[in-house]
Protein backbone atom coordinates (compact mmCIF):
# COMPACT_ATOMS: atom_id res chain seq x y z
CA MET A 1 -12.38 -26.29 4.57
CA ARG A 2 -8.89 -27.72 4.81
CA TYR A 3 -6.28 -26.47 7.27
CA VAL A 4 -3.19 -24.88 5.76
CA GLU A 5 -0.15 -24.27 7.95
CA THR A 6 1.11 -20.72 7.48
CA VAL A 7 4.07 -18.55 8.36
CA THR A 8 3.42 -15.00 9.57
CA LEU A 9 5.58 -12.49 7.75
CA TRP A 10 6.04 -8.76 8.14
CA ARG A 11 6.99 -6.25 5.47
CA PRO A 12 8.08 -2.67 6.03
CA THR A 13 6.99 -0.56 3.08
CA GLY A 14 6.59 2.95 1.79
CA PRO A 15 3.54 4.64 0.30
CA LYS A 16 4.17 3.74 -3.36
CA GLU A 17 4.43 0.01 -2.73
CA LEU A 18 1.50 0.11 -0.31
CA ALA A 19 -0.68 1.83 -2.93
CA LEU A 20 0.01 -1.06 -5.31
CA VAL A 21 -0.87 -3.58 -2.60
CA GLU A 22 -4.13 -1.71 -2.01
CA GLU A 23 -4.88 -1.78 -5.77
CA SER A 24 -4.59 -5.58 -5.60
CA GLY A 25 -7.35 -5.73 -3.00
CA TRP A 26 -4.71 -6.29 -0.28
CA ARG A 27 -3.93 -9.72 -1.76
CA SER A 28 -0.59 -9.37 -3.54
CA TRP A 29 2.80 -7.71 -3.66
CA PRO A 30 3.81 -5.82 -6.80
CA PRO A 31 6.63 -6.99 -9.07
CA ARG A 32 10.13 -5.99 -8.04
CA LEU A 33 11.70 -3.00 -9.73
CA PRO A 34 14.92 -3.55 -11.72
CA ASP A 35 17.01 -2.27 -8.79
CA GLN A 36 15.25 -4.66 -6.36
CA PRO A 37 16.77 -8.11 -6.91
CA ILE A 38 15.07 -9.64 -3.86
CA PHE A 39 11.83 -9.48 -1.95
CA TYR A 40 12.65 -9.59 1.74
CA PRO A 41 9.78 -10.20 4.13
CA VAL A 42 10.93 -10.25 7.74
CA LEU A 43 10.06 -12.61 10.57
CA ASN A 44 9.11 -10.25 13.38
CA GLU A 45 7.21 -7.02 13.89
CA GLU A 46 10.03 -5.38 15.87
CA TYR A 47 12.46 -5.60 12.96
CA ALA A 48 9.81 -4.47 10.45
CA THR A 49 9.01 -1.50 12.68
CA LYS A 50 12.66 -0.47 12.86
CA ILE A 51 12.96 -0.49 9.05
CA ALA A 52 9.64 1.33 8.49
CA ARG A 53 10.42 3.96 11.12
CA ASP A 54 14.13 4.46 10.40
CA TRP A 55 14.34 3.93 6.63
CA ASN A 56 10.94 4.34 5.00
CA VAL A 57 10.08 7.54 6.88
CA LYS A 58 13.40 9.12 5.85
CA ALA A 59 12.99 7.99 2.24
CA SER A 60 9.33 8.93 1.69
CA GLY A 61 7.93 10.69 4.75
CA VAL A 62 5.91 7.70 5.90
CA GLY A 63 6.60 4.06 6.70
CA TYR A 64 4.14 1.22 7.12
CA VAL A 65 4.41 -2.17 8.76
CA THR A 66 2.36 -4.87 7.09
CA ARG A 67 1.59 -8.42 8.20
CA PHE A 68 0.57 -11.33 6.04
CA GLU A 69 0.37 -15.12 6.10
CA VAL A 70 2.02 -17.39 3.54
CA GLU A 71 1.65 -21.15 3.19
CA LYS A 72 4.51 -22.73 5.12
CA SER A 73 5.08 -25.31 2.37
CA PHE A 74 5.93 -22.46 0.00
CA MET A 75 8.24 -20.65 2.44
CA ASP A 76 10.07 -23.91 3.19
CA ARG A 77 11.79 -23.42 -0.20
CA TYR A 78 13.81 -20.57 1.30
CA GLU A 79 16.22 -20.34 4.20
CA VAL A 80 15.81 -17.77 6.92
CA GLN A 81 18.67 -15.28 6.71
CA GLN A 82 20.17 -13.61 9.76
CA ALA A 83 20.94 -10.10 8.54
CA GLY A 84 22.45 -8.80 11.77
CA GLY A 85 21.58 -9.49 15.40
CA HIS A 86 19.67 -12.57 16.53
CA THR A 87 16.27 -10.89 15.87
CA ILE A 88 17.25 -9.51 12.45
CA LEU A 89 15.72 -12.34 10.44
CA GLU A 90 14.35 -12.23 6.93
CA TYR A 91 13.76 -14.30 3.85
CA TRP A 92 15.65 -13.40 0.67
CA ILE A 93 13.39 -14.39 -2.18
CA PRO A 94 15.06 -13.70 -5.54
CA ALA A 95 12.79 -11.74 -7.85
CA GLU A 96 13.77 -13.90 -10.83
CA ASP A 97 12.71 -17.04 -8.96
CA LEU A 98 9.22 -15.72 -8.49
CA LYS A 99 8.31 -14.32 -11.87
CA ASP A 100 7.09 -10.98 -10.54
CA LEU A 101 6.13 -12.59 -7.22
CA LYS A 102 3.16 -14.40 -8.76
CA ASP A 103 4.19 -17.60 -7.00
CA LEU A 104 4.42 -15.90 -3.62
CA ASN A 105 1.15 -14.09 -4.19
CA ARG A 106 -0.64 -17.35 -4.98
CA HIS A 107 0.46 -18.67 -1.58
CA ILE A 108 -0.67 -15.71 0.52
CA VAL A 109 -3.48 -16.82 2.83
CA GLY A 110 -5.98 -14.04 3.54
CA THR A 111 -5.06 -10.42 3.03
CA ILE A 112 -2.09 -8.15 3.64
CA GLU A 113 -2.80 -5.94 6.65
CA VAL A 114 -1.30 -2.62 7.69
CA VAL A 115 -0.55 -2.90 11.41
CA ALA A 116 1.40 0.34 11.98
CA GLU A 117 2.19 3.68 10.37
CA TYR A 118 5.09 6.01 11.13
CA ARG A 119 5.66 9.62 10.05
């Protein structure tokens, strides 16, 4: 077995997106909707928790924090974006660059895990 260097990413999500992740066997993210031009995984659990708790709960009654690993060589294609304070870090991966996220999904190592739920 060869060693693959990975990056740990976090994704706040609501119940509809999470159901699609579950349908994939916890191995892939669904395609972006037309009004979602980017996929934005974040770089720390604290920031993901804030979004899940403050945005997803208000929007859908429940928010989840997920964690997943992606091959570092794939993520090196994208710059980390600072979307606010020094801990507000995320990747902005254009949906059109990923052809329904199939590229990203091919580079996920292991499974997507739910690490927290907020109601």
